[in-house]
């Protein structure tokens, strides 16, 4: 017998190339429900995305612009006990210079969340859905999770949310504050962090929330066989991320520029606002390197590439992470990883399957780490590759992880 209706809140899956990691999760959990409502922000869909959409799913779009309406009329909300408690929490946590900014952030989120909660209730009424027969699930621990926390507080229905990186680690933001975390954590059925580091951060940021946060890793489906034999004398390094400041792709370029390796090739998958700047930097600093910025590439094509090429190393030098799915993908192809030891990355990368460098690293040290690995004999390198694959299989294989996640989501408090 299949379970309740899943009402799944996200940013724009399956209408854009973003949130690609949701595909594998839906492949595992959607069939456990009689119906899945994909409640996603309005987005002009590209029909050629080839995203996975469950057969039992209905896509319902909500308007972000509509959520912004009526802010002035919502002013009375700042006098509600919930808002005043959060304001006192922010004042206690933050230096005075951030108080005004924190107030604005709180006001915007409470407004969006209240409107979204009301939209959800109206949708359920129109669709003749009994909220007590639904599992409400937000993929992000932001205003959508706040809306669900408010919904559960008033109606007692089952509401959960995942927590990743930017929606967890407040100290990594320009304004080191994320609103209503105490309220969200205390009023959701549970928060499901994708990393142990996320759970630990919440426990430090909000006291007495340990029993409300559980850990469940994301996962990756990959049935392709890893490449085990070098097919040419080329050295190939890959990276995969958005081209945004936190990913520090500029420092990847600097590290690669310091390598004294013949036949070196670097390929980056991903796009973003820094692309033109980074391409110009690579042109200047990597005159002897065969490099490519591939842009946005469908996830399956990245895995196909890893299965057809002998990729020596995968590199991720982000200043903050949850546990990157890009690292899971590389490991699923038996590719060792060089990564910064930030947030949850150390839960995936260790000294048997790759190399961790400090958060405050020197690019010379990164280059030396790469060179040291490439100087190992083939037997030692193959051991790293096997360890990477085995670690993925044991810790980040999607069918197992999302099955465990489903059980967590369905478990009552």
Protein backbone atom coordinates (compact mmCIF):
# COMPACT_ATOMS: atom_id res chain seq x y z
CA UNK A 1 0.00 0.00 0.00
CA UNK A 2 1.39 3.39 -1.00
CA UNK A 3 1.65 6.23 1.45
CA UNK A 4 0.32 9.74 1.63
CA UNK A 5 0.62 12.53 -0.91
CA UNK A 6 4.06 14.18 -0.96
CA UNK A 7 3.97 17.97 -1.34
CA UNK A 8 7.52 18.85 -2.32
CA UNK A 9 8.68 22.48 -2.19
CA UNK A 10 11.76 23.58 -4.13
CA UNK A 11 13.13 26.50 -6.14
CA UNK A 12 12.60 25.44 -9.76
CA UNK A 13 12.96 21.67 -10.22
CA UNK A 14 12.08 20.30 -12.76
CA UNK A 15 11.73 23.49 -14.82
CA UNK A 16 15.39 24.43 -15.09
CA UNK A 17 18.86 22.90 -15.15
CA UNK A 18 19.30 23.84 -11.50
CA UNK A 19 18.73 21.52 -8.54
CA UNK A 20 19.89 18.66 -10.78
CA UNK A 21 20.58 16.50 -7.72
CA UNK A 22 16.84 16.20 -7.05
CA UNK A 23 16.42 13.85 -10.02
CA UNK A 24 18.07 10.89 -8.31
CA UNK A 25 16.16 11.47 -5.08
CA UNK A 26 12.85 11.51 -6.93
CA UNK A 27 13.76 8.31 -8.78
CA UNK A 28 13.92 6.58 -5.41
CA UNK A 29 11.21 8.14 -3.22
CA UNK A 30 8.44 9.20 -5.63
CA UNK A 31 7.18 5.66 -6.19
CA UNK A 32 6.56 5.30 -2.44
CA UNK A 33 3.73 7.84 -2.64
CA UNK A 34 0.37 7.69 -4.29
CA UNK A 35 0.87 11.21 -5.61
CA UNK A 36 3.68 13.79 -5.69
CA UNK A 37 2.98 17.52 -5.92
CA UNK A 38 6.09 19.37 -7.15
CA UNK A 39 5.42 22.82 -5.72
CA UNK A 40 7.99 24.99 -7.43
CA UNK A 41 8.61 28.66 -8.16
CA UNK A 42 7.44 29.94 -11.53
CA UNK A 43 10.05 29.50 -14.22
CA UNK A 44 10.06 29.54 -18.01
CA UNK A 45 10.72 25.87 -18.68
CA UNK A 46 13.18 24.59 -21.26
CA UNK A 47 11.66 21.51 -22.91
CA UNK A 48 15.09 20.10 -23.72
CA UNK A 49 16.25 19.75 -20.12
CA UNK A 50 15.65 15.99 -19.98
CA UNK A 51 14.88 16.20 -16.25
CA UNK A 52 13.37 13.24 -14.47
CA UNK A 53 9.71 13.82 -13.60
CA UNK A 54 7.89 11.02 -11.75
CA UNK A 55 4.87 9.53 -13.52
CA UNK A 56 2.73 10.25 -10.45
CA UNK A 57 3.84 13.88 -10.19
CA UNK A 58 1.96 17.11 -10.79
CA UNK A 59 3.96 20.31 -11.24
CA UNK A 60 2.39 23.32 -9.53
CA UNK A 61 4.06 26.72 -9.89
CA UNK A 62 3.90 29.51 -7.35
CA UNK A 63 4.91 33.08 -8.11
CA UNK A 64 7.81 34.59 -6.17
CA UNK A 65 6.54 38.04 -7.18
CA UNK A 66 3.14 37.25 -5.70
CA UNK A 67 4.78 36.34 -2.42
CA UNK A 68 6.21 39.87 -2.27
CA UNK A 69 2.80 41.59 -2.51
CA UNK A 70 1.32 43.31 0.52
CA UNK A 71 4.52 43.95 2.47
CA UNK A 72 3.23 47.23 3.87
CA UNK A 73 -0.02 45.60 4.99
CA UNK A 74 2.07 42.95 6.75
CA UNK A 75 3.74 45.48 9.01
CA UNK A 76 1.63 44.38 11.98
CA UNK A 77 3.52 41.08 11.99
CA UNK A 78 6.53 42.70 13.62
CA UNK A 79 4.48 42.98 16.82
CA UNK A 80 3.70 39.26 16.93
CA UNK A 81 5.46 37.28 19.72
CA UNK A 82 7.16 35.05 17.12
CA UNK A 83 8.79 38.05 15.42
CA UNK A 84 9.74 39.77 18.69
CA UNK A 85 11.40 36.60 20.01
CA UNK A 86 13.42 36.29 16.82
CA UNK A 87 14.38 39.96 16.97
CA UNK A 88 15.66 39.48 20.53
CA UNK A 89 17.60 36.39 19.41
CA UNK A 90 19.21 38.32 16.52
CA UNK A 91 20.14 41.26 18.78
CA UNK A 92 21.73 38.83 21.23
CA UNK A 93 23.64 36.96 18.49
CA UNK A 94 24.79 39.79 16.25
CA UNK A 95 26.98 42.89 16.59
CA UNK A 96 25.00 46.14 16.49
CA UNK A 97 26.13 46.99 12.94
CA UNK A 98 24.02 44.06 11.61
CA UNK A 99 20.78 44.74 13.47
CA UNK A 100 19.04 46.79 10.79
CA UNK A 101 19.98 44.31 8.05
CA UNK A 102 18.82 41.39 10.17
CA UNK A 103 15.49 43.13 10.79
CA UNK A 104 14.96 43.53 7.04
CA UNK A 105 15.83 39.88 6.41
CA UNK A 106 13.38 38.78 9.12
CA UNK A 107 10.61 40.97 7.75
CA UNK A 108 10.99 39.71 4.17
CA UNK A 109 11.09 36.05 5.22
CA UNK A 110 8.09 36.22 7.55
CA UNK A 111 6.13 37.92 4.78
CA UNK A 112 7.10 35.36 2.12
CA UNK A 113 6.55 32.41 4.44
CA UNK A 114 3.11 33.58 5.56
CA UNK A 115 1.99 34.12 1.97
CA UNK A 116 3.40 30.76 0.90
CA UNK A 117 1.67 28.98 3.78
CA UNK A 118 -1.62 30.58 2.76
CA UNK A 119 -1.06 29.59 -0.87
CA UNK A 120 -0.44 25.99 0.19
CA UNK A 121 -3.65 25.90 2.19
CA UNK A 122 -5.61 27.35 -0.72
CA UNK A 123 -4.07 24.81 -3.10
CA UNK A 124 -4.93 21.91 -0.79
CA UNK A 125 -8.49 23.21 -0.51
CA UNK A 126 -8.88 23.56 -4.29
CA UNK A 127 -7.37 20.11 -4.85
CA UNK A 128 -9.44 18.50 -2.09
CA UNK A 129 -6.27 17.38 -0.30
CA UNK A 130 -6.55 16.70 3.40
CA UNK A 131 -3.38 18.19 4.93
CA UNK A 132 -3.31 15.39 7.49
CA UNK A 133 -2.92 12.94 4.60
CA UNK A 134 0.09 14.81 3.18
CA UNK A 135 3.79 14.89 3.89
CA UNK A 136 5.07 18.45 3.29
CA UNK A 137 8.77 18.54 2.41
CA UNK A 138 10.94 21.57 1.65
CA UNK A 139 14.22 20.86 -0.09
CA UNK A 140 15.74 24.03 1.38
CA UNK A 141 15.88 25.33 4.94
CA UNK A 142 14.74 28.83 4.01
CA UNK A 143 11.43 30.71 3.88
CA UNK A 144 9.78 27.58 2.45
CA UNK A 145 10.80 25.64 5.55
CA UNK A 146 9.52 28.54 7.66
CA UNK A 147 6.16 28.32 5.85
CA UNK A 148 5.99 24.60 6.68
CA UNK A 149 6.96 25.21 10.31
CA UNK A 150 4.12 27.72 10.57
CA UNK A 151 1.77 25.27 8.85
CA UNK A 152 2.64 22.47 11.26
CA UNK A 153 2.39 24.73 14.30
CA UNK A 154 -1.18 25.65 13.37
CA UNK A 155 -2.42 22.33 11.94
CA UNK A 156 -0.13 19.64 13.33
CA UNK A 157 0.56 18.06 9.92
CA UNK A 158 3.79 16.27 8.96
CA UNK A 159 6.41 18.78 7.74
CA UNK A 160 10.13 18.22 7.13
CA UNK A 161 12.95 20.14 5.47
CA UNK A 162 16.45 19.39 4.29
CA UNK A 163 19.36 21.64 5.21
CA UNK A 164 22.40 22.04 2.94
CA UNK A 165 25.08 24.77 3.08
CA UNK A 166 23.99 28.37 2.45
CA UNK A 167 20.80 27.67 4.42
CA UNK A 168 22.79 26.36 7.41
CA UNK A 169 26.10 28.17 7.88
CA UNK A 170 25.07 31.69 8.80
CA UNK A 171 28.65 32.76 9.47
CA UNK A 172 29.50 32.35 5.77
CA UNK A 173 27.01 35.03 4.70
CA UNK A 174 27.81 38.73 4.23
CA UNK A 175 25.26 39.32 6.98
CA UNK A 176 26.09 36.43 9.34
CA UNK A 177 22.46 35.66 10.08
CA UNK A 178 19.75 33.27 8.90
CA UNK A 179 16.24 34.10 10.12
CA UNK A 180 13.89 32.10 12.33
CA UNK A 181 16.14 29.04 12.70
CA UNK A 182 14.92 28.41 16.25
CA UNK A 183 11.29 28.55 15.15
CA UNK A 184 11.88 26.32 12.11
CA UNK A 185 13.90 23.72 14.01
CA UNK A 186 11.47 23.57 16.92
CA UNK A 187 8.28 23.43 14.87
CA UNK A 188 9.08 21.18 11.92
CA UNK A 189 8.56 17.46 12.42
CA UNK A 190 12.29 17.24 11.78
CA UNK A 191 15.14 18.92 9.97
CA UNK A 192 17.28 16.58 7.86
CA UNK A 193 20.83 17.86 7.43
CA UNK A 194 22.88 16.57 4.50
CA UNK A 195 26.03 16.60 6.66
CA UNK A 196 27.13 15.98 10.22
CA UNK A 197 28.75 19.42 10.11
CA UNK A 198 25.33 20.96 9.45
CA UNK A 199 23.79 19.25 12.46
CA UNK A 200 26.71 20.33 14.66
CA UNK A 201 26.38 23.92 13.44
CA UNK A 202 22.65 24.00 14.21
CA UNK A 203 23.32 22.60 17.67
CA UNK A 204 25.77 25.42 18.34
CA UNK A 205 23.67 28.14 16.69
CA UNK A 206 20.38 27.15 18.32
CA UNK A 207 20.49 25.56 21.76
CA UNK A 208 18.54 22.40 22.60
CA UNK A 209 17.69 21.39 19.03
CA UNK A 210 19.71 18.16 18.86
CA UNK A 211 16.68 15.87 18.89
CA UNK A 212 15.05 17.85 16.05
CA UNK A 213 17.93 17.46 13.57
CA UNK A 214 18.97 14.20 11.92
CA UNK A 215 21.62 13.51 9.29
CA UNK A 216 20.96 11.88 5.93
CA UNK A 217 23.53 12.11 3.14
CA UNK A 218 22.56 12.91 -0.42
CA UNK A 219 23.47 10.30 -3.00
CA UNK A 220 24.30 9.64 -6.61
CA UNK A 221 23.06 7.01 -9.06
CA UNK A 222 25.81 5.76 -11.36
CA UNK A 223 25.68 2.33 -12.96
CA UNK A 224 28.66 2.98 -15.24
CA UNK A 225 31.92 1.15 -14.68
CA UNK A 226 34.89 3.28 -13.59
CA UNK A 227 37.79 3.68 -15.99
CA UNK A 228 40.76 1.84 -14.49
CA UNK A 229 43.45 2.10 -17.18
CA UNK A 230 45.16 5.19 -18.55
CA UNK A 231 44.53 5.39 -22.29
CA UNK A 232 46.99 8.12 -23.26
CA UNK A 233 49.80 10.22 -21.79
CA UNK A 234 47.44 13.13 -21.07
CA UNK A 235 46.92 14.24 -17.46
CA UNK A 236 43.26 15.21 -17.00
CA UNK A 237 41.91 17.22 -14.06
CA UNK A 238 38.21 18.03 -13.76
CA UNK A 239 36.12 20.36 -11.62
CA UNK A 240 32.39 20.99 -11.47
CA UNK A 241 30.57 23.88 -9.81
CA UNK A 242 28.74 27.12 -10.36
CA UNK A 243 31.09 29.94 -11.29
CA UNK A 244 30.43 32.05 -8.22
CA UNK A 245 32.81 33.48 -5.58
CA UNK A 246 32.29 30.80 -2.92
CA UNK A 247 33.51 28.08 -5.32
CA UNK A 248 36.93 29.79 -5.72
CA UNK A 249 37.51 28.53 -9.26
CA UNK A 250 40.04 31.35 -9.65
CA UNK A 251 42.20 29.53 -7.13
CA UNK A 252 41.91 26.32 -9.13
CA UNK A 253 43.33 28.25 -12.08
CA UNK A 254 46.18 29.59 -9.94
CA UNK A 255 47.01 26.12 -8.62
CA UNK A 256 47.00 24.58 -12.08
CA UNK A 257 49.19 27.39 -13.39
CA UNK A 258 51.90 26.27 -10.96
CA UNK A 259 52.00 22.68 -12.19
CA UNK A 260 54.99 21.68 -14.27
CA UNK A 261 53.28 18.88 -16.17
CA UNK A 262 53.32 18.14 -19.88
CA UNK A 263 50.08 17.29 -21.70
CA UNK A 264 47.93 18.80 -18.95
CA UNK A 265 44.21 19.19 -19.57
CA UNK A 266 41.65 20.85 -17.27
CA UNK A 267 37.89 20.73 -17.83
CA UNK A 268 35.37 22.65 -15.76
CA UNK A 269 31.65 21.80 -15.84
CA UNK A 270 29.31 24.57 -14.74
CA UNK A 271 28.42 28.17 -15.45
CA UNK A 272 27.77 31.39 -13.61
CA UNK A 273 28.29 35.15 -13.44
CA UNK A 274 32.09 34.88 -13.15
CA UNK A 275 32.55 32.91 -16.36
CA UNK A 276 33.91 35.71 -18.57
CA UNK A 277 36.29 36.85 -15.84
CA UNK A 278 37.55 33.31 -15.21
CA UNK A 279 37.97 32.56 -18.92
CA UNK A 280 40.08 35.71 -19.28
CA UNK A 281 42.14 34.68 -16.27
CA UNK A 282 42.69 31.17 -17.64
CA UNK A 283 43.72 32.54 -21.03
CA UNK A 284 46.38 34.64 -19.33
CA UNK A 285 47.61 32.13 -16.74
CA UNK A 286 47.30 28.79 -18.54
CA UNK A 287 49.00 29.29 -21.94
CA UNK A 288 50.37 25.72 -21.98
CA UNK A 289 47.28 23.99 -20.59
CA UNK A 290 44.50 22.55 -22.72
CA UNK A 291 41.51 23.86 -20.78
CA UNK A 292 37.76 24.04 -21.40
CA UNK A 293 34.82 25.71 -19.72
CA UNK A 294 32.00 23.37 -20.70
CA UNK A 295 29.17 25.42 -19.18
CA UNK A 296 25.98 23.75 -17.99
CA UNK A 297 26.10 20.10 -18.98
CA UNK A 298 23.33 17.56 -18.19
CA UNK A 299 24.30 15.40 -15.26
CA UNK A 300 24.21 12.16 -17.24
CA UNK A 301 26.61 13.62 -19.79
CA UNK A 302 29.11 14.43 -17.04
CA UNK A 303 28.92 10.85 -15.78
CA UNK A 304 29.26 9.56 -19.36
CA UNK A 305 32.37 11.71 -19.74
CA UNK A 306 33.87 10.30 -16.53
CA UNK A 307 33.12 6.77 -17.79
CA UNK A 308 34.84 7.38 -21.12
CA UNK A 309 37.94 9.27 -19.98
CA UNK A 310 40.70 8.51 -17.50
CA UNK A 311 40.29 11.50 -15.18
CA UNK A 312 43.32 11.70 -12.90
CA UNK A 313 41.86 13.98 -10.24
CA UNK A 314 38.76 15.95 -9.37
CA UNK A 315 39.36 19.30 -7.63
CA UNK A 316 37.07 21.42 -5.44
CA UNK A 317 38.49 24.44 -3.62
CA UNK A 318 35.26 25.98 -2.28
CA UNK A 319 35.36 28.17 0.80
CA UNK A 320 32.12 26.59 2.07
CA UNK A 321 30.20 23.43 1.22
CA UNK A 322 27.62 20.97 2.48
CA UNK A 323 28.84 17.71 1.02
CA UNK A 324 29.14 18.41 -2.73
CA UNK A 325 27.23 16.06 -5.03
CA UNK A 326 29.95 16.83 -7.60
CA UNK A 327 32.42 15.03 -5.32
CA UNK A 328 30.04 12.08 -4.98
CA UNK A 329 29.83 11.91 -8.78
CA UNK A 330 33.60 11.90 -9.15
CA UNK A 331 33.99 9.18 -6.54
CA UNK A 332 31.28 7.08 -8.21
CA UNK A 333 33.58 7.09 -11.26
CA UNK A 334 36.59 6.08 -9.16
CA UNK A 335 38.24 9.52 -9.35
CA UNK A 336 40.30 10.68 -6.33
CA UNK A 337 39.48 14.14 -5.01
CA UNK A 338 41.49 17.17 -3.92
CA UNK A 339 39.28 19.42 -1.81
CA UNK A 340 39.25 22.07 0.88
CA UNK A 341 38.52 20.84 4.38
CA UNK A 342 35.43 23.00 4.88
CA UNK A 343 32.01 22.28 6.38
CA UNK A 344 31.00 18.72 5.42
CA UNK A 345 33.58 18.01 2.71
CA UNK A 346 35.77 16.12 5.19
CA UNK A 347 32.91 13.64 5.60
CA UNK A 348 33.50 12.56 2.00
CA UNK A 349 37.21 13.11 1.33
CA UNK A 350 39.93 11.50 3.42
CA UNK A 351 43.55 10.44 3.05
CA UNK A 352 42.62 7.12 1.43
CA UNK A 353 40.40 8.41 -1.38
CA UNK A 354 41.92 11.83 -1.98
CA UNK A 355 43.50 14.83 -0.29
CA UNK A 356 42.15 17.54 1.98
CA UNK A 357 43.80 20.97 2.02
CA UNK A 358 43.15 23.57 4.73
CA UNK A 359 40.38 26.12 4.30
CA UNK A 360 43.04 28.86 4.32
CA UNK A 361 45.24 27.14 1.76
CA UNK A 362 48.14 28.30 -0.38
CA UNK A 363 47.77 27.47 -4.08
CA UNK A 364 51.41 26.35 -4.09
CA UNK A 365 50.46 23.65 -1.59
CA UNK A 366 47.53 22.56 -3.76
CA UNK A 367 49.83 22.29 -6.77
CA UNK A 368 52.30 20.29 -4.69
CA UNK A 369 49.52 17.95 -3.53
CA UNK A 370 48.53 17.31 -7.14
CA UNK A 371 52.14 16.75 -8.18
CA UNK A 372 52.75 14.35 -5.29
CA UNK A 373 49.79 12.23 -6.31
CA UNK A 374 50.80 12.15 -9.96
CA UNK A 375 54.30 11.03 -8.96
CA UNK A 376 52.93 7.91 -7.27
CA UNK A 377 53.31 4.64 -9.14
CA UNK A 378 50.30 3.17 -10.95
CA UNK A 379 49.55 0.63 -8.20
CA UNK A 380 49.29 3.35 -5.55
CA UNK A 381 47.15 5.53 -7.78
CA UNK A 382 44.84 2.61 -8.52
CA UNK A 383 44.38 2.07 -4.80
CA UNK A 384 43.22 5.67 -4.39
CA UNK A 385 40.82 5.19 -7.30
CA UNK A 386 39.39 1.99 -5.85
CA UNK A 387 39.05 3.60 -2.44
CA UNK A 388 37.15 6.54 -3.95
CA UNK A 389 34.71 4.18 -5.68
CA UNK A 390 34.27 2.02 -2.57
CA UNK A 391 33.65 5.06 -0.38
CA UNK A 392 30.91 6.26 -2.75
CA UNK A 393 29.34 2.80 -2.82
CA UNK A 394 29.32 2.56 0.95
CA UNK A 395 28.30 6.13 1.82
CA UNK A 396 26.75 7.96 -1.15
CA UNK A 397 24.98 5.39 -3.28
CA UNK A 398 21.60 6.96 -4.01
CA UNK A 399 19.26 3.97 -3.72
CA UNK A 400 20.46 3.22 -0.20
CA UNK A 401 20.67 6.82 1.03
CA UNK A 402 17.31 7.92 -0.31
CA UNK A 403 15.62 4.80 1.00
CA UNK A 404 16.96 5.69 4.46
CA UNK A 405 15.88 9.31 3.94
CA UNK A 406 12.36 8.18 3.07
CA UNK A 407 12.17 6.16 6.28
CA UNK A 408 13.36 9.19 8.28
CA UNK A 409 10.79 11.40 6.61
CA UNK A 410 7.98 8.98 7.45
CA UNK A 411 9.06 8.26 11.02
CA UNK A 412 6.92 10.00 13.61
CA UNK A 413 8.53 12.00 16.39
